[in-house]
């Protein structure tokens, strides 16, 4: 429930936050590297009259509740933008992967024979490629737009779903309701989409909630190493920008790191809770 509460808060923040904050791309060098309220940092300024450096303490203000980065951009606005990007990537990419994997897994188990061998061997071959390295190769070859990253994650992350759904369908295809549907003349497509897939929905939902963090972390990893979309303020891009200023502006890297940690942890908690809820042995 704590994970669900945080995710609901994150969704509301991502949906309504931009209406109450500054633009995440608004630059103001006069307010660069301002700490959050309650914190202060020392800055050295050169005094042309005396020829000496004067140390002053810069205190955070509530005009920037989470501080600013090295370009004077508001960290709260950037984190909200990053939340929108992460949720977009996690939900859409996972949705694509779940749809592909569920169709392949169900079709493979239901048809069996050579079709099962062909689809599962293709899945095995696909699983041998390192997921992150495959993403890096795709982004390097075709560009780093956010749309391409979402498609790349979705089109490469379906193998686990295919395996799980296939194992579920192997036990379902011999049930009486499937045999009765065949006897009544139902087509293979109708049996797959109207009888088998709906009965694996519980496992698919649990797997989806556990797969979303992987998609979010994949996008953050690409952005952190400089292969993300430079036109969006994602948490990975903010981390990449803040890694060089940990000594002087620690909050630029720490705040998106905390958001990533809490988001991934919340999805994992939600997935564990749903798995217990859908498990009849836990009753």
C-alpha atoms as a PDB file:
ATOM      1  CA  UNK A   1       0.000   0.000   0.000  1.00  0.00           C
ATOM      2  CA  UNK A   2       2.906   2.344   0.668  1.00  0.00           C
ATOM      3  CA  UNK A   3       4.236   1.652  -2.828  1.00  0.00           C
ATOM      4  CA  UNK A   4       0.803   2.261  -4.358  1.00  0.00           C
ATOM      5  CA  UNK A   5       0.410   5.522  -2.402  1.00  0.00           C
ATOM      6  CA  UNK A   6       3.777   6.829  -3.626  1.00  0.00           C
ATOM      7  CA  UNK A   7       3.010   5.884  -7.232  1.00  0.00           C
ATOM      8  CA  UNK A   8      -0.361   7.651  -7.080  1.00  0.00           C
ATOM      9  CA  UNK A   9       1.403  10.715  -5.659  1.00  0.00           C
ATOM     10  CA  UNK A  10       3.966  10.514  -8.474  1.00  0.00           C
ATOM     11  CA  UNK A  11       1.261  10.276 -11.152  1.00  0.00           C
ATOM     12  CA  UNK A  12      -0.590  13.282  -9.719  1.00  0.00           C
ATOM     13  CA  UNK A  13       2.687  15.211  -9.454  1.00  0.00           C
ATOM     14  CA  UNK A  14       3.609  14.405 -13.065  1.00  0.00           C
ATOM     15  CA  UNK A  15       0.136  15.352 -14.317  1.00  0.00           C
ATOM     16  CA  UNK A  16      -0.433  18.563 -12.369  1.00  0.00           C
ATOM     17  CA  UNK A  17       3.076  19.673 -11.401  1.00  0.00           C
ATOM     18  CA  UNK A  18       3.934  21.515 -14.648  1.00  0.00           C
ATOM     19  CA  UNK A  19       1.000  23.889 -14.072  1.00  0.00           C
ATOM     20  CA  UNK A  20       2.477  25.090 -10.752  1.00  0.00           C
ATOM     21  CA  UNK A  21       6.219  25.135 -11.448  1.00  0.00           C
ATOM     22  CA  UNK A  22       8.593  26.941 -13.756  1.00  0.00           C
ATOM     23  CA  UNK A  23       9.684  25.548 -17.091  1.00  0.00           C
ATOM     24  CA  UNK A  24      12.383  22.866 -16.625  1.00  0.00           C
ATOM     25  CA  UNK A  25      14.368  24.481 -19.455  1.00  0.00           C
ATOM     26  CA  UNK A  26      14.270  28.030 -18.029  1.00  0.00           C
ATOM     27  CA  UNK A  27      17.882  29.132 -17.452  1.00  0.00           C
ATOM     28  CA  UNK A  28      19.000  31.825 -14.984  1.00  0.00           C
ATOM     29  CA  UNK A  29      22.746  31.978 -14.364  1.00  0.00           C
ATOM     30  CA  UNK A  30      22.250  34.477 -11.544  1.00  0.00           C
ATOM     31  CA  UNK A  31      20.596  31.691  -9.519  1.00  0.00           C
ATOM     32  CA  UNK A  32      22.823  28.782 -10.456  1.00  0.00           C
ATOM     33  CA  UNK A  33      23.732  26.068  -7.907  1.00  0.00           C
ATOM     34  CA  UNK A  34      21.331  27.340  -5.259  1.00  0.00           C
ATOM     35  CA  UNK A  35      20.872  24.725  -2.500  1.00  0.00           C
ATOM     36  CA  UNK A  36      17.491  23.664  -1.141  1.00  0.00           C
ATOM     37  CA  UNK A  37      16.061  25.729   1.757  1.00  0.00           C
ATOM     38  CA  UNK A  38      17.832  25.006   5.018  1.00  0.00           C
ATOM     39  CA  UNK A  39      21.170  24.343   3.337  1.00  0.00           C
ATOM     40  CA  UNK A  40      24.002  26.673   2.446  1.00  0.00           C
ATOM     41  CA  UNK A  41      27.197  26.519   0.433  1.00  0.00           C
ATOM     42  CA  UNK A  42      30.271  28.703   0.387  1.00  0.00           C
ATOM     43  CA  UNK A  43      31.100  30.566  -2.793  1.00  0.00           C
ATOM     44  CA  UNK A  44      34.281  32.434  -3.608  1.00  0.00           C
ATOM     45  CA  UNK A  45      33.887  35.646  -5.580  1.00  0.00           C
ATOM     46  CA  UNK A  46      36.689  37.772  -6.995  1.00  0.00           C
ATOM     47  CA  UNK A  47      36.659  41.388  -5.842  1.00  0.00           C
ATOM     48  CA  UNK A  48      38.213  43.516  -8.580  1.00  0.00           C
ATOM     49  CA  UNK A  49      38.731  46.436  -6.186  1.00  0.00           C
ATOM     50  CA  UNK A  50      40.808  44.580  -3.608  1.00  0.00           C
ATOM     51  CA  UNK A  51      42.138  41.895  -5.932  1.00  0.00           C
ATOM     52  CA  UNK A  52      41.155  39.178  -3.455  1.00  0.00           C
ATOM     53  CA  UNK A  53      38.640  36.361  -3.352  1.00  0.00           C
ATOM     54  CA  UNK A  54      35.773  36.922  -0.937  1.00  0.00           C
ATOM     55  CA  UNK A  55      33.946  33.916   0.519  1.00  0.00           C
ATOM     56  CA  UNK A  56      30.196  34.256   0.849  1.00  0.00           C
ATOM     57  CA  UNK A  57      27.537  31.793   1.962  1.00  0.00           C
ATOM     58  CA  UNK A  58      24.712  31.113  -0.472  1.00  0.00           C
ATOM     59  CA  UNK A  59      21.497  30.029   1.261  1.00  0.00           C
ATOM     60  CA  UNK A  60      18.583  28.257  -0.338  1.00  0.00           C
ATOM     61  CA  UNK A  61      15.219  29.977  -0.722  1.00  0.00           C
ATOM     62  CA  UNK A  62      11.658  28.707  -1.055  1.00  0.00           C
ATOM     63  CA  UNK A  63      11.545  30.188  -4.560  1.00  0.00           C
ATOM     64  CA  UNK A  64      13.394  26.978  -5.496  1.00  0.00           C
ATOM     65  CA  UNK A  65      12.231  24.336  -2.969  1.00  0.00           C
ATOM     66  CA  UNK A  66      14.719  21.747  -4.237  1.00  0.00           C
ATOM     67  CA  UNK A  67      17.454  24.128  -5.363  1.00  0.00           C
ATOM     68  CA  UNK A  68      18.822  24.812  -8.845  1.00  0.00           C
ATOM     69  CA  UNK A  69      21.458  23.226 -11.061  1.00  0.00           C
ATOM     70  CA  UNK A  70      24.595  24.707 -12.613  1.00  0.00           C
ATOM     71  CA  UNK A  71      22.542  26.571 -15.218  1.00  0.00           C
ATOM     72  CA  UNK A  72      20.015  28.006 -12.777  1.00  0.00           C
ATOM     73  CA  UNK A  73      17.217  25.627 -13.767  1.00  0.00           C
ATOM     74  CA  UNK A  74      14.681  24.801 -11.068  1.00  0.00           C
ATOM     75  CA  UNK A  75      15.279  21.278  -9.737  1.00  0.00           C
ATOM     76  CA  UNK A  76      11.634  20.721  -8.758  1.00  0.00           C
ATOM     77  CA  UNK A  77      10.484  21.458 -12.311  1.00  0.00           C
ATOM     78  CA  UNK A  78      13.181  19.179 -13.717  1.00  0.00           C
ATOM     79  CA  UNK A  79      12.288  16.329 -11.360  1.00  0.00           C
ATOM     80  CA  UNK A  80       8.607  16.630 -12.301  1.00  0.00           C
ATOM     81  CA  UNK A  81       9.584  16.516 -15.971  1.00  0.00           C
ATOM     82  CA  UNK A  82      11.714  13.465 -15.211  1.00  0.00           C
ATOM     83  CA  UNK A  83       8.756  11.798 -13.502  1.00  0.00           C
ATOM     84  CA  UNK A  84       6.643  12.269 -16.625  1.00  0.00           C
ATOM     85  CA  UNK A  85       9.384  10.824 -18.815  1.00  0.00           C
ATOM     86  CA  UNK A  86       9.985   7.839 -16.507  1.00  0.00           C
ATOM     87  CA  UNK A  87       6.287   6.978 -16.219  1.00  0.00           C
ATOM     88  CA  UNK A  88       5.850   7.356 -19.970  1.00  0.00           C
ATOM     89  CA  UNK A  89       8.791   5.079 -20.699  1.00  0.00           C
ATOM     90  CA  UNK A  90       7.868   2.540 -18.033  1.00  0.00           C
ATOM     91  CA  UNK A  91       4.196   2.204 -18.937  1.00  0.00           C
ATOM     92  CA  UNK A  92       4.370   2.333 -22.734  1.00  0.00           C
ATOM     93  CA  UNK A  93       7.552   0.271 -23.167  1.00  0.00           C
ATOM     94  CA  UNK A  94       6.327  -2.364 -20.723  1.00  0.00           C
ATOM     95  CA  UNK A  95       2.927  -2.394 -22.438  1.00  0.00           C
ATOM     96  CA  UNK A  96       4.566  -3.101 -25.801  1.00  0.00           C
ATOM     97  CA  UNK A  97       6.734  -5.844 -24.317  1.00  0.00           C
ATOM     98  CA  UNK A  98       3.806  -7.445 -22.476  1.00  0.00           C
ATOM     99  CA  UNK A  99       1.591  -7.502 -25.590  1.00  0.00           C
ATOM    100  CA  UNK A 100       4.306  -9.049 -27.773  1.00  0.00           C
ATOM    101  CA  UNK A 101       5.381 -11.575 -25.147  1.00  0.00           C
ATOM    102  CA  UNK A 102       1.818 -12.596 -24.252  1.00  0.00           C
ATOM    103  CA  UNK A 103       0.854 -13.220 -27.886  1.00  0.00           C
ATOM    104  CA  UNK A 104       4.037 -15.172 -28.633  1.00  0.00           C
ATOM    105  CA  UNK A 105       3.828 -17.233 -25.430  1.00  0.00           C
ATOM    106  CA  UNK A 106       0.149 -18.110 -25.840  1.00  0.00           C
ATOM    107  CA  UNK A 107       0.458 -18.954 -29.526  1.00  0.00           C
ATOM    108  CA  UNK A 108       3.537 -21.084 -28.910  1.00  0.00           C
ATOM    109  CA  UNK A 109       1.935 -23.153 -26.134  1.00  0.00           C
ATOM    110  CA  UNK A 110      -1.462 -23.543 -27.800  1.00  0.00           C
ATOM    111  CA  UNK A 111      -0.278 -24.552 -31.274  1.00  0.00           C
ATOM    112  CA  UNK A 112       2.629 -26.652 -30.017  1.00  0.00           C
ATOM    113  CA  UNK A 113       4.737 -28.787 -32.331  1.00  0.00           C
ATOM    114  CA  UNK A 114       7.013 -27.057 -34.797  1.00  0.00           C
ATOM    115  CA  UNK A 115       5.493 -23.650 -34.131  1.00  0.00           C
ATOM    116  CA  UNK A 116       6.306 -24.004 -30.423  1.00  0.00           C
ATOM    117  CA  UNK A 117       9.872 -25.056 -31.221  1.00  0.00           C
ATOM    118  CA  UNK A 118      10.339 -22.210 -33.685  1.00  0.00           C
ATOM    119  CA  UNK A 119       9.007 -19.478 -31.381  1.00  0.00           C
ATOM    120  CA  UNK A 120      10.828 -20.723 -28.283  1.00  0.00           C
ATOM    121  CA  UNK A 121      14.152 -21.120 -30.081  1.00  0.00           C
ATOM    122  CA  UNK A 122      13.763 -17.566 -31.401  1.00  0.00           C
ATOM    123  CA  UNK A 123      13.043 -16.456 -27.820  1.00  0.00           C
ATOM    124  CA  UNK A 124      16.133 -18.305 -26.564  1.00  0.00           C
ATOM    125  CA  UNK A 125      18.316 -16.635 -29.190  1.00  0.00           C
ATOM    126  CA  UNK A 126      16.870 -13.225 -28.297  1.00  0.00           C
ATOM    127  CA  UNK A 127      17.577 -13.830 -24.603  1.00  0.00           C
ATOM    128  CA  UNK A 128      21.265 -14.459 -25.278  1.00  0.00           C
ATOM    129  CA  UNK A 129      21.826 -10.787 -26.196  1.00  0.00           C
ATOM    130  CA  UNK A 130      22.633  -8.562 -23.201  1.00  0.00           C
ATOM    131  CA  UNK A 131      19.607  -6.301 -22.784  1.00  0.00           C
ATOM    132  CA  UNK A 132      21.439  -3.035 -22.078  1.00  0.00           C
ATOM    133  CA  UNK A 133      24.104  -3.579 -24.737  1.00  0.00           C
ATOM    134  CA  UNK A 134      21.386  -4.296 -27.299  1.00  0.00           C
ATOM    135  CA  UNK A 135      19.636  -1.053 -26.335  1.00  0.00           C
ATOM    136  CA  UNK A 136      22.893   0.896 -26.631  1.00  0.00           C
ATOM    137  CA  UNK A 137      23.496  -0.574 -30.094  1.00  0.00           C
ATOM    138  CA  UNK A 138      19.981   0.292 -31.309  1.00  0.00           C
ATOM    139  CA  UNK A 139      20.153   3.856 -29.963  1.00  0.00           C
ATOM    140  CA  UNK A 140      23.656   4.330 -31.367  1.00  0.00           C
ATOM    141  CA  UNK A 141      22.576   3.179 -34.840  1.00  0.00           C
ATOM    142  CA  UNK A 142      19.167   4.834 -35.130  1.00  0.00           C
ATOM    143  CA  UNK A 143      19.285   7.882 -32.844  1.00  0.00           C
ATOM    144  CA  UNK A 144      18.391   8.804 -29.277  1.00  0.00           C
ATOM    145  CA  UNK A 145      14.872  10.212 -29.499  1.00  0.00           C
ATOM    146  CA  UNK A 146      12.547   9.338 -26.624  1.00  0.00           C
ATOM    147  CA  UNK A 147      10.135   7.579 -29.000  1.00  0.00           C
ATOM    148  CA  UNK A 148      12.902   5.347 -30.322  1.00  0.00           C
ATOM    149  CA  UNK A 149      14.090   4.532 -26.793  1.00  0.00           C
ATOM    150  CA  UNK A 150      10.556   3.507 -25.769  1.00  0.00           C
ATOM    151  CA  UNK A 151      10.181   1.303 -28.857  1.00  0.00           C
ATOM    152  CA  UNK A 152      13.626  -0.209 -28.369  1.00  0.00           C
ATOM    153  CA  UNK A 153      12.916  -1.135 -24.743  1.00  0.00           C
ATOM    154  CA  UNK A 154       9.492  -2.544 -25.648  1.00  0.00           C
ATOM    155  CA  UNK A 155      10.722  -4.558 -28.628  1.00  0.00           C
ATOM    156  CA  UNK A 156      13.627  -6.092 -26.700  1.00  0.00           C
ATOM    157  CA  UNK A 157      12.005  -6.776 -23.323  1.00  0.00           C
ATOM    158  CA  UNK A 158       9.292  -9.321 -24.192  1.00  0.00           C
ATOM    159  CA  UNK A 159      11.191 -12.584 -23.682  1.00  0.00           C
ATOM    160  CA  UNK A 160      10.413 -13.049 -19.982  1.00  0.00           C
ATOM    161  CA  UNK A 161       6.714 -12.486 -20.615  1.00  0.00           C
ATOM    162  CA  UNK A 162       6.704 -15.032 -23.442  1.00  0.00           C
ATOM    163  CA  UNK A 163       8.253 -17.657 -21.192  1.00  0.00           C
ATOM    164  CA  UNK A 164       5.849 -17.037 -18.320  1.00  0.00           C
ATOM    165  CA  UNK A 165       2.703 -16.936 -20.464  1.00  0.00           C
ATOM    166  CA  UNK A 166       3.745 -20.074 -22.331  1.00  0.00           C
ATOM    167  CA  UNK A 167       4.090 -22.011 -19.084  1.00  0.00           C
ATOM    168  CA  UNK A 168       0.666 -20.797 -17.945  1.00  0.00           C
ATOM    169  CA  UNK A 169      -0.957 -21.662 -21.277  1.00  0.00           C
ATOM    170  CA  UNK A 170       0.499 -25.180 -21.319  1.00  0.00           C
ATOM    171  CA  UNK A 171      -1.654 -26.005 -18.305  1.00  0.00           C
ATOM    172  CA  UNK A 172      -4.694 -24.100 -19.575  1.00  0.00           C
ATOM    173  CA  UNK A 173      -4.925 -25.643 -23.047  1.00  0.00           C
ATOM    174  CA  UNK A 174      -5.972 -29.032 -21.641  1.00  0.00           C
ATOM    175  CA  UNK A 175      -8.765 -27.583 -19.473  1.00  0.00           C
ATOM    176  CA  UNK A 176     -12.394 -28.497 -20.158  1.00  0.00           C
ATOM    177  CA  UNK A 177     -13.418 -24.998 -21.296  1.00  0.00           C
ATOM    178  CA  UNK A 178     -10.775 -25.046 -24.048  1.00  0.00           C
ATOM    179  CA  UNK A 179     -11.754 -28.545 -25.187  1.00  0.00           C
ATOM    180  CA  UNK A 180     -15.416 -27.506 -25.178  1.00  0.00           C
ATOM    181  CA  UNK A 181     -14.641 -24.430 -27.283  1.00  0.00           C
ATOM    182  CA  UNK A 182     -12.853 -26.595 -29.840  1.00  0.00           C
ATOM    183  CA  UNK A 183     -15.809 -28.996 -29.917  1.00  0.00           C
ATOM    184  CA  UNK A 184     -18.156 -26.066 -30.591  1.00  0.00           C
ATOM    185  CA  UNK A 185     -16.036 -25.054 -33.580  1.00  0.00           C
ATOM    186  CA  UNK A 186     -14.251 -22.001 -32.121  1.00  0.00           C
ATOM    187  CA  UNK A 187     -11.287 -20.844 -34.175  1.00  0.00           C
ATOM    188  CA  UNK A 188      -7.749 -20.882 -32.843  1.00  0.00           C
ATOM    189  CA  UNK A 189      -7.687 -17.066 -32.711  1.00  0.00           C
ATOM    190  CA  UNK A 190     -10.876 -16.975 -30.664  1.00  0.00           C
ATOM    191  CA  UNK A 191      -9.580 -19.573 -28.217  1.00  0.00           C
ATOM    192  CA  UNK A 192      -6.271 -17.718 -27.833  1.00  0.00           C
ATOM    193  CA  UNK A 193      -7.702 -14.222 -27.380  1.00  0.00           C
ATOM    194  CA  UNK A 194     -11.001 -15.003 -25.646  1.00  0.00           C
ATOM    195  CA  UNK A 195     -10.108 -17.959 -23.432  1.00  0.00           C
ATOM    196  CA  UNK A 196      -6.364 -18.399 -22.910  1.00  0.00           C
ATOM    197  CA  UNK A 197      -5.049 -14.832 -22.678  1.00  0.00           C
ATOM    198  CA  UNK A 198      -7.763 -13.617 -20.240  1.00  0.00           C
ATOM    199  CA  UNK A 199      -6.934 -16.503 -17.901  1.00  0.00           C
ATOM    200  CA  UNK A 200      -3.275 -15.491 -17.761  1.00  0.00           C
ATOM    201  CA  UNK A 201      -4.134 -11.862 -17.029  1.00  0.00           C
ATOM    202  CA  UNK A 202      -3.339 -12.105 -13.312  1.00  0.00           C
ATOM    203  CA  UNK A 203       0.213 -13.271 -13.936  1.00  0.00           C
ATOM    204  CA  UNK A 204       0.640 -10.712 -16.721  1.00  0.00           C
ATOM    205  CA  UNK A 205      -0.395  -7.827 -14.430  1.00  0.00           C
ATOM    206  CA  UNK A 206       2.057  -8.928 -11.753  1.00  0.00           C
ATOM    207  CA  UNK A 207       4.846  -9.309 -14.299  1.00  0.00           C
ATOM    208  CA  UNK A 208       4.066  -5.878 -15.747  1.00  0.00           C
ATOM    209  CA  UNK A 209       4.424  -4.129 -12.390  1.00  0.00           C
ATOM    210  CA  UNK A 210       7.730  -5.897 -11.857  1.00  0.00           C
ATOM    211  CA  UNK A 211       8.942  -5.080 -15.393  1.00  0.00           C
ATOM    212  CA  UNK A 212       8.187  -1.344 -15.317  1.00  0.00           C
ATOM    213  CA  UNK A 213      11.157  -0.587 -12.997  1.00  0.00           C
ATOM    214  CA  UNK A 214      13.483  -2.321 -15.461  1.00  0.00           C
ATOM    215  CA  UNK A 215      12.245  -0.108 -18.298  1.00  0.00           C
ATOM    216  CA  UNK A 216      12.632   3.034 -16.155  1.00  0.00           C
ATOM    217  CA  UNK A 217      16.166   2.074 -15.138  1.00  0.00           C
ATOM    218  CA  UNK A 218      17.069   1.224 -18.745  1.00  0.00           C
ATOM    219  CA  UNK A 219      16.082   4.708 -19.917  1.00  0.00           C
ATOM    220  CA  UNK A 220      17.894   6.284 -16.957  1.00  0.00           C
ATOM    221  CA  UNK A 221      21.026   4.262 -17.741  1.00  0.00           C
ATOM    222  CA  UNK A 222      20.989   5.337 -21.394  1.00  0.00           C
ATOM    223  CA  UNK A 223      20.536   8.977 -20.381  1.00  0.00           C
ATOM    224  CA  UNK A 224      23.242   8.732 -17.728  1.00  0.00           C
ATOM    225  CA  UNK A 225      25.845   7.576 -20.244  1.00  0.00           C
ATOM    226  CA  UNK A 226      24.819  10.316 -22.672  1.00  0.00           C
ATOM    227  CA  UNK A 227      22.644   8.283 -25.067  1.00  0.00           C
ATOM    228  CA  UNK A 228      19.281   9.590 -23.897  1.00  0.00           C
ATOM    229  CA  UNK A 229      17.110  12.186 -25.583  1.00  0.00           C
ATOM    230  CA  UNK A 230      18.855  15.538 -24.907  1.00  0.00           C
ATOM    231  CA  UNK A 231      15.604  17.436 -25.520  1.00  0.00           C
ATOM    232  CA  UNK A 232      13.853  16.059 -22.416  1.00  0.00           C
ATOM    233  CA  UNK A 233      14.734  16.492 -18.746  1.00  0.00           C
ATOM    234  CA  UNK A 234      14.817  12.886 -17.571  1.00  0.00           C
ATOM    235  CA  UNK A 235      16.213  11.687 -14.255  1.00  0.00           C
ATOM    236  CA  UNK A 236      19.121  10.033 -16.059  1.00  0.00           C
ATOM    237  CA  UNK A 237      20.031  13.268 -17.842  1.00  0.00           C
ATOM    238  CA  UNK A 238      19.937  15.168 -14.532  1.00  0.00           C
ATOM    239  CA  UNK A 239      22.169  12.550 -12.918  1.00  0.00           C
ATOM    240  CA  UNK A 240      24.585  12.814 -15.815  1.00  0.00           C
ATOM    241  CA  UNK A 241      24.711  16.595 -15.454  1.00  0.00           C
ATOM    242  CA  UNK A 242      25.147  16.462 -11.675  1.00  0.00           C
ATOM    243  CA  UNK A 243      27.855  13.816 -11.390  1.00  0.00           C
ATOM    244  CA  UNK A 244      30.616  16.363 -11.967  1.00  0.00           C
ATOM    245  CA  UNK A 245      29.418  18.746  -9.260  1.00  0.00           C
ATOM    246  CA  UNK A 246      28.946  16.449  -6.258  1.00  0.00           C
ATOM    247  CA  UNK A 247      31.391  18.507  -4.197  1.00  0.00           C
ATOM    248  CA  UNK A 248      29.759  21.857  -4.881  1.00  0.00           C
ATOM    249  CA  UNK A 249      26.103  21.014  -5.717  1.00  0.00           C
ATOM    250  CA  UNK A 250      25.390  17.558  -4.336  1.00  0.00           C
ATOM    251  CA  UNK A 251      21.594  17.932  -4.595  1.00  0.00           C
ATOM    252  CA  UNK A 252      21.661  17.950  -8.421  1.00  0.00           C
ATOM    253  CA  UNK A 253      22.660  14.258  -8.469  1.00  0.00           C
ATOM    254  CA  UNK A 254      21.186  13.136  -5.142  1.00  0.00           C
ATOM    255  CA  UNK A 255      17.584  14.256  -5.742  1.00  0.00           C
ATOM    256  CA  UNK A 256      16.980  12.382  -9.035  1.00  0.00           C
ATOM    257  CA  UNK A 257      18.769   9.381  -7.535  1.00  0.00           C
ATOM    258  CA  UNK A 258      16.337   9.372  -4.607  1.00  0.00           C
ATOM    259  CA  UNK A 259      13.369   9.664  -6.980  1.00  0.00           C
ATOM    260  CA  UNK A 260      14.612   6.729  -9.048  1.00  0.00           C
ATOM    261  CA  UNK A 261      15.164   4.670  -5.907  1.00  0.00           C
ATOM    262  CA  UNK A 262      11.709   5.368  -4.486  1.00  0.00           C
ATOM    263  CA  UNK A 263       9.934   4.806  -7.811  1.00  0.00           C
ATOM    264  CA  UNK A 264      11.606   1.479  -8.527  1.00  0.00           C
ATOM    265  CA  UNK A 265      11.098   0.347  -4.935  1.00  0.00           C
ATOM    266  CA  UNK A 266       7.409   1.304  -5.047  1.00  0.00           C
ATOM    267  CA  UNK A 267       6.777  -0.657  -8.252  1.00  0.00           C
ATOM    268  CA  UNK A 268       8.535  -3.673  -6.730  1.00  0.00           C
ATOM    269  CA  UNK A 269       6.426  -3.405  -3.570  1.00  0.00           C
ATOM    270  CA  UNK A 270       3.268  -3.121  -5.693  1.00  0.00           C
ATOM    271  CA  UNK A 271       4.283  -6.135  -7.770  1.00  0.00           C
ATOM    272  CA  UNK A 272       4.920  -8.230  -4.659  1.00  0.00           C
ATOM    273  CA  UNK A 273       1.551  -7.204  -3.238  1.00  0.00           C
ATOM    274  CA  UNK A 274      -0.292  -8.073  -6.446  1.00  0.00           C
ATOM    275  CA  UNK A 275       1.529 -11.400  -6.649  1.00  0.00           C
ATOM    276  CA  UNK A 276       0.325 -12.277  -3.151  1.00  0.00           C
ATOM    277  CA  UNK A 277      -3.202 -11.098  -3.998  1.00  0.00           C
ATOM    278  CA  UNK A 278      -3.412 -13.220  -7.149  1.00  0.00           C
ATOM    279  CA  UNK A 279      -1.814 -16.294  -5.566  1.00  0.00           C
ATOM    280  CA  UNK A 280      -4.572 -18.726  -4.491  1.00  0.00           C
ATOM    281  CA  UNK A 281      -2.076 -20.632  -2.324  1.00  0.00           C
ATOM    282  CA  UNK A 282      -1.676 -17.542  -0.150  1.00  0.00           C
ATOM    283  CA  UNK A 283      -5.312 -17.601   0.931  1.00  0.00           C
END
